Amino acid sequence: MDGVVGVGEYLAVASALFCVGLFGVLIRRNALLMLMCLELMLNAVNLALVAFARYNGNMEGVILTFFSISVAAAEVAIGLAILVALYRKRKSLLLQDLNLLGR
């Protein structure tokens, strides 16, 4: 090997990150941890986009990743605000405690 990292290695890391995030979403009961796992999945997709953009030699994947990261930052801010409001009302972030929002 000559020390060059190819697109396959990037995709292996991205798929591992995505699987860890998916596993976390499926088994976690805490809403905050589920949001963190969703962000991990989104970052795995962003890594794959950047890897393909580097492999193809164009900037479209990098630009799409930039917009995706900025939208994700807004989404995290809104999600955390909702979770803080729910915690103040329910004193819990477990999903089984948050199923009835009207009470």
C-alpha atoms as a PDB file:
ATOM      1  CA  MET A   1       0.000   0.000   0.000  1.00  0.00           C
ATOM      2  CA  ASP A   2       1.187   3.471  -0.768  1.00  0.00           C
ATOM      3  CA  GLY A   3      -0.693   5.230   2.043  1.00  0.00           C
ATOM      4  CA  VAL A   4      -3.508   6.591  -0.126  1.00  0.00           C
ATOM      5  CA  VAL A   5      -6.937   6.256   1.407  1.00  0.00           C
ATOM      6  CA  GLY A   6      -9.514   5.318  -1.194  1.00  0.00           C
ATOM      7  CA  VAL A   7     -13.235   5.811  -1.349  1.00  0.00           C
ATOM      8  CA  GLY A   8     -13.808   2.282  -0.027  1.00  0.00           C
ATOM      9  CA  GLU A   9     -12.261   3.076   3.327  1.00  0.00           C
ATOM     10  CA  TYR A  10     -14.364   6.222   3.676  1.00  0.00           C
ATOM     11  CA  LEU A  11     -17.494   4.271   2.825  1.00  0.00           C
ATOM     12  CA  ALA A  12     -16.588   1.556   5.329  1.00  0.00           C
ATOM     13  CA  VAL A  13     -16.287   4.146   8.095  1.00  0.00           C
ATOM     14  CA  ALA A  14     -19.493   5.867   6.946  1.00  0.00           C
ATOM     15  CA  SER A  15     -21.418   2.595   6.919  1.00  0.00           C
ATOM     16  CA  ALA A  16     -20.094   1.682  10.367  1.00  0.00           C
ATOM     17  CA  LEU A  17     -21.172   5.081  11.726  1.00  0.00           C
ATOM     18  CA  PHE A  18     -24.580   4.725  10.099  1.00  0.00           C
ATOM     19  CA  CYS A  19     -25.060   1.237  11.572  1.00  0.00           C
ATOM     20  CA  VAL A  20     -24.086   2.438  15.047  1.00  0.00           C
ATOM     21  CA  GLY A  21     -26.548   5.314  14.743  1.00  0.00           C
ATOM     22  CA  LEU A  22     -29.319   3.054  13.464  1.00  0.00           C
ATOM     23  CA  PHE A  23     -28.690   0.575  16.259  1.00  0.00           C
ATOM     24  CA  GLY A  24     -28.849   3.427  18.775  1.00  0.00           C
ATOM     25  CA  VAL A  25     -32.139   4.717  17.373  1.00  0.00           C
ATOM     26  CA  LEU A  26     -33.663   1.256  17.503  1.00  0.00           C
ATOM     27  CA  ILE A  27     -32.654   0.351  21.072  1.00  0.00           C
ATOM     28  CA  ARG A  28     -32.603   3.667  22.956  1.00  0.00           C
ATOM     29  CA  ARG A  29     -35.571   4.856  24.956  1.00  0.00           C
ATOM     30  CA  ASN A  30     -34.204   8.288  25.828  1.00  0.00           C
ATOM     31  CA  ALA A  31     -35.282  10.956  23.350  1.00  0.00           C
ATOM     32  CA  LEU A  32     -32.034  12.920  23.664  1.00  0.00           C
ATOM     33  CA  LEU A  33     -29.919   9.858  22.888  1.00  0.00           C
ATOM     34  CA  MET A  34     -32.143   9.070  19.920  1.00  0.00           C
ATOM     35  CA  LEU A  35     -31.544  12.567  18.547  1.00  0.00           C
ATOM     36  CA  MET A  36     -27.806  12.084  18.989  1.00  0.00           C
ATOM     37  CA  CYS A  37     -27.960   8.782  17.107  1.00  0.00           C
ATOM     38  CA  LEU A  38     -29.936  10.437  14.309  1.00  0.00           C
ATOM     39  CA  GLU A  39     -27.217  13.071  14.049  1.00  0.00           C
ATOM     40  CA  LEU A  40     -24.618  10.306  13.878  1.00  0.00           C
ATOM     41  CA  MET A  41     -26.516   8.774  10.966  1.00  0.00           C
ATOM     42  CA  LEU A  42     -26.683  12.143   9.224  1.00  0.00           C
ATOM     43  CA  ASN A  43     -22.944  12.650   9.683  1.00  0.00           C
ATOM     44  CA  ALA A  44     -22.302   9.219   8.186  1.00  0.00           C
ATOM     45  CA  VAL A  45     -24.237  10.248   5.088  1.00  0.00           C
ATOM     46  CA  ASN A  46     -22.282  13.505   4.960  1.00  0.00           C
ATOM     47  CA  LEU A  47     -19.020  11.569   5.119  1.00  0.00           C
ATOM     48  CA  ALA A  48     -20.148   9.392   2.204  1.00  0.00           C
ATOM     49  CA  LEU A  49     -21.108  12.493   0.196  1.00  0.00           C
ATOM     50  CA  VAL A  50     -17.706  14.058   0.747  1.00  0.00           C
ATOM     51  CA  ALA A  51     -15.961  10.789  -0.120  1.00  0.00           C
ATOM     52  CA  PHE A  52     -17.833  10.525  -3.414  1.00  0.00           C
ATOM     53  CA  ALA A  53     -17.174  14.188  -4.170  1.00  0.00           C
ATOM     54  CA  ARG A  54     -13.457  13.664  -3.570  1.00  0.00           C
ATOM     55  CA  TYR A  55     -13.468  10.509  -5.669  1.00  0.00           C
ATOM     56  CA  ASN A  56     -15.232  12.234  -8.581  1.00  0.00           C
ATOM     57  CA  GLY A  57     -13.193  15.417  -8.271  1.00  0.00           C
ATOM     58  CA  ASN A  58     -16.141  17.809  -8.048  1.00  0.00           C
ATOM     59  CA  MET A  59     -17.537  20.026  -5.319  1.00  0.00           C
ATOM     60  CA  GLU A  60     -21.255  19.233  -5.502  1.00  0.00           C
ATOM     61  CA  GLY A  61     -21.121  16.686  -2.674  1.00  0.00           C
ATOM     62  CA  VAL A  62     -19.167  19.069  -0.472  1.00  0.00           C
ATOM     63  CA  ILE A  63     -21.651  21.878  -1.095  1.00  0.00           C
ATOM     64  CA  LEU A  64     -24.578  19.563  -0.359  1.00  0.00           C
ATOM     65  CA  THR A  65     -22.840  18.471   2.834  1.00  0.00           C
ATOM     66  CA  PHE A  66     -22.362  22.098   3.870  1.00  0.00           C
ATOM     67  CA  PHE A  67     -26.090  22.761   3.478  1.00  0.00           C
ATOM     68  CA  SER A  68     -26.929  19.512   5.243  1.00  0.00           C
ATOM     69  CA  ILE A  69     -24.767  20.435   8.232  1.00  0.00           C
ATOM     70  CA  SER A  70     -26.353  23.888   8.479  1.00  0.00           C
ATOM     71  CA  VAL A  71     -29.868  22.398   8.367  1.00  0.00           C
ATOM     72  CA  ALA A  72     -28.838  19.803  10.958  1.00  0.00           C
ATOM     73  CA  ALA A  73     -27.632  22.561  13.290  1.00  0.00           C
ATOM     74  CA  ALA A  74     -31.030  24.263  13.085  1.00  0.00           C
ATOM     75  CA  GLU A  75     -32.771  20.933  13.594  1.00  0.00           C
ATOM     76  CA  VAL A  76     -30.720  20.190  16.703  1.00  0.00           C
ATOM     77  CA  ALA A  77     -31.516  23.591  18.180  1.00  0.00           C
ATOM     78  CA  ILE A  78     -35.255  23.106  17.652  1.00  0.00           C
ATOM     79  CA  GLY A  79     -35.153  19.502  18.860  1.00  0.00           C
ATOM     80  CA  LEU A  80     -33.301  20.431  22.032  1.00  0.00           C
ATOM     81  CA  ALA A  81     -35.743  23.271  22.711  1.00  0.00           C
ATOM     82  CA  ILE A  82     -38.653  20.841  22.390  1.00  0.00           C
ATOM     83  CA  LEU A  83     -36.936  18.330  24.657  1.00  0.00           C
ATOM     84  CA  VAL A  84     -36.225  20.989  27.293  1.00  0.00           C
ATOM     85  CA  ALA A  85     -39.890  22.029  27.242  1.00  0.00           C
ATOM     86  CA  LEU A  86     -41.019  18.404  27.532  1.00  0.00           C
ATOM     87  CA  TYR A  87     -38.591  17.754  30.371  1.00  0.00           C
ATOM     88  CA  ARG A  88     -39.864  20.759  32.280  1.00  0.00           C
ATOM     89  CA  LYS A  89     -43.420  19.514  31.907  1.00  0.00           C
ATOM     90  CA  ARG A  90     -42.898  15.751  32.396  1.00  0.00           C
ATOM     91  CA  LYS A  91     -39.579  15.557  34.331  1.00  0.00           C
ATOM     92  CA  SER A  92     -38.505  12.718  32.047  1.00  0.00           C
ATOM     93  CA  LEU A  93     -37.116  12.207  28.560  1.00  0.00           C
ATOM     94  CA  LEU A  94     -38.055   8.539  28.250  1.00  0.00           C
ATOM     95  CA  LEU A  95     -40.244   7.995  25.222  1.00  0.00           C
ATOM     96  CA  GLN A  96     -42.852   5.914  27.010  1.00  0.00           C
ATOM     97  CA  ASP A  97     -43.421   8.892  29.341  1.00  0.00           C
ATOM     98  CA  LEU A  98     -43.818  11.322  26.438  1.00  0.00           C
ATOM     99  CA  ASN A  99     -46.542   9.508  24.518  1.00  0.00           C
ATOM    100  CA  LEU A 100     -49.398  11.686  25.784  1.00  0.00           C
ATOM    101  CA  LEU A 101     -48.492  15.264  24.981  1.00  0.00           C
ATOM    102  CA  GLY A 102     -51.885  16.768  25.843  1.00  0.00           C
ATOM    103  CA  ARG A 103     -51.807  15.999  29.558  1.00  0.00           C
END
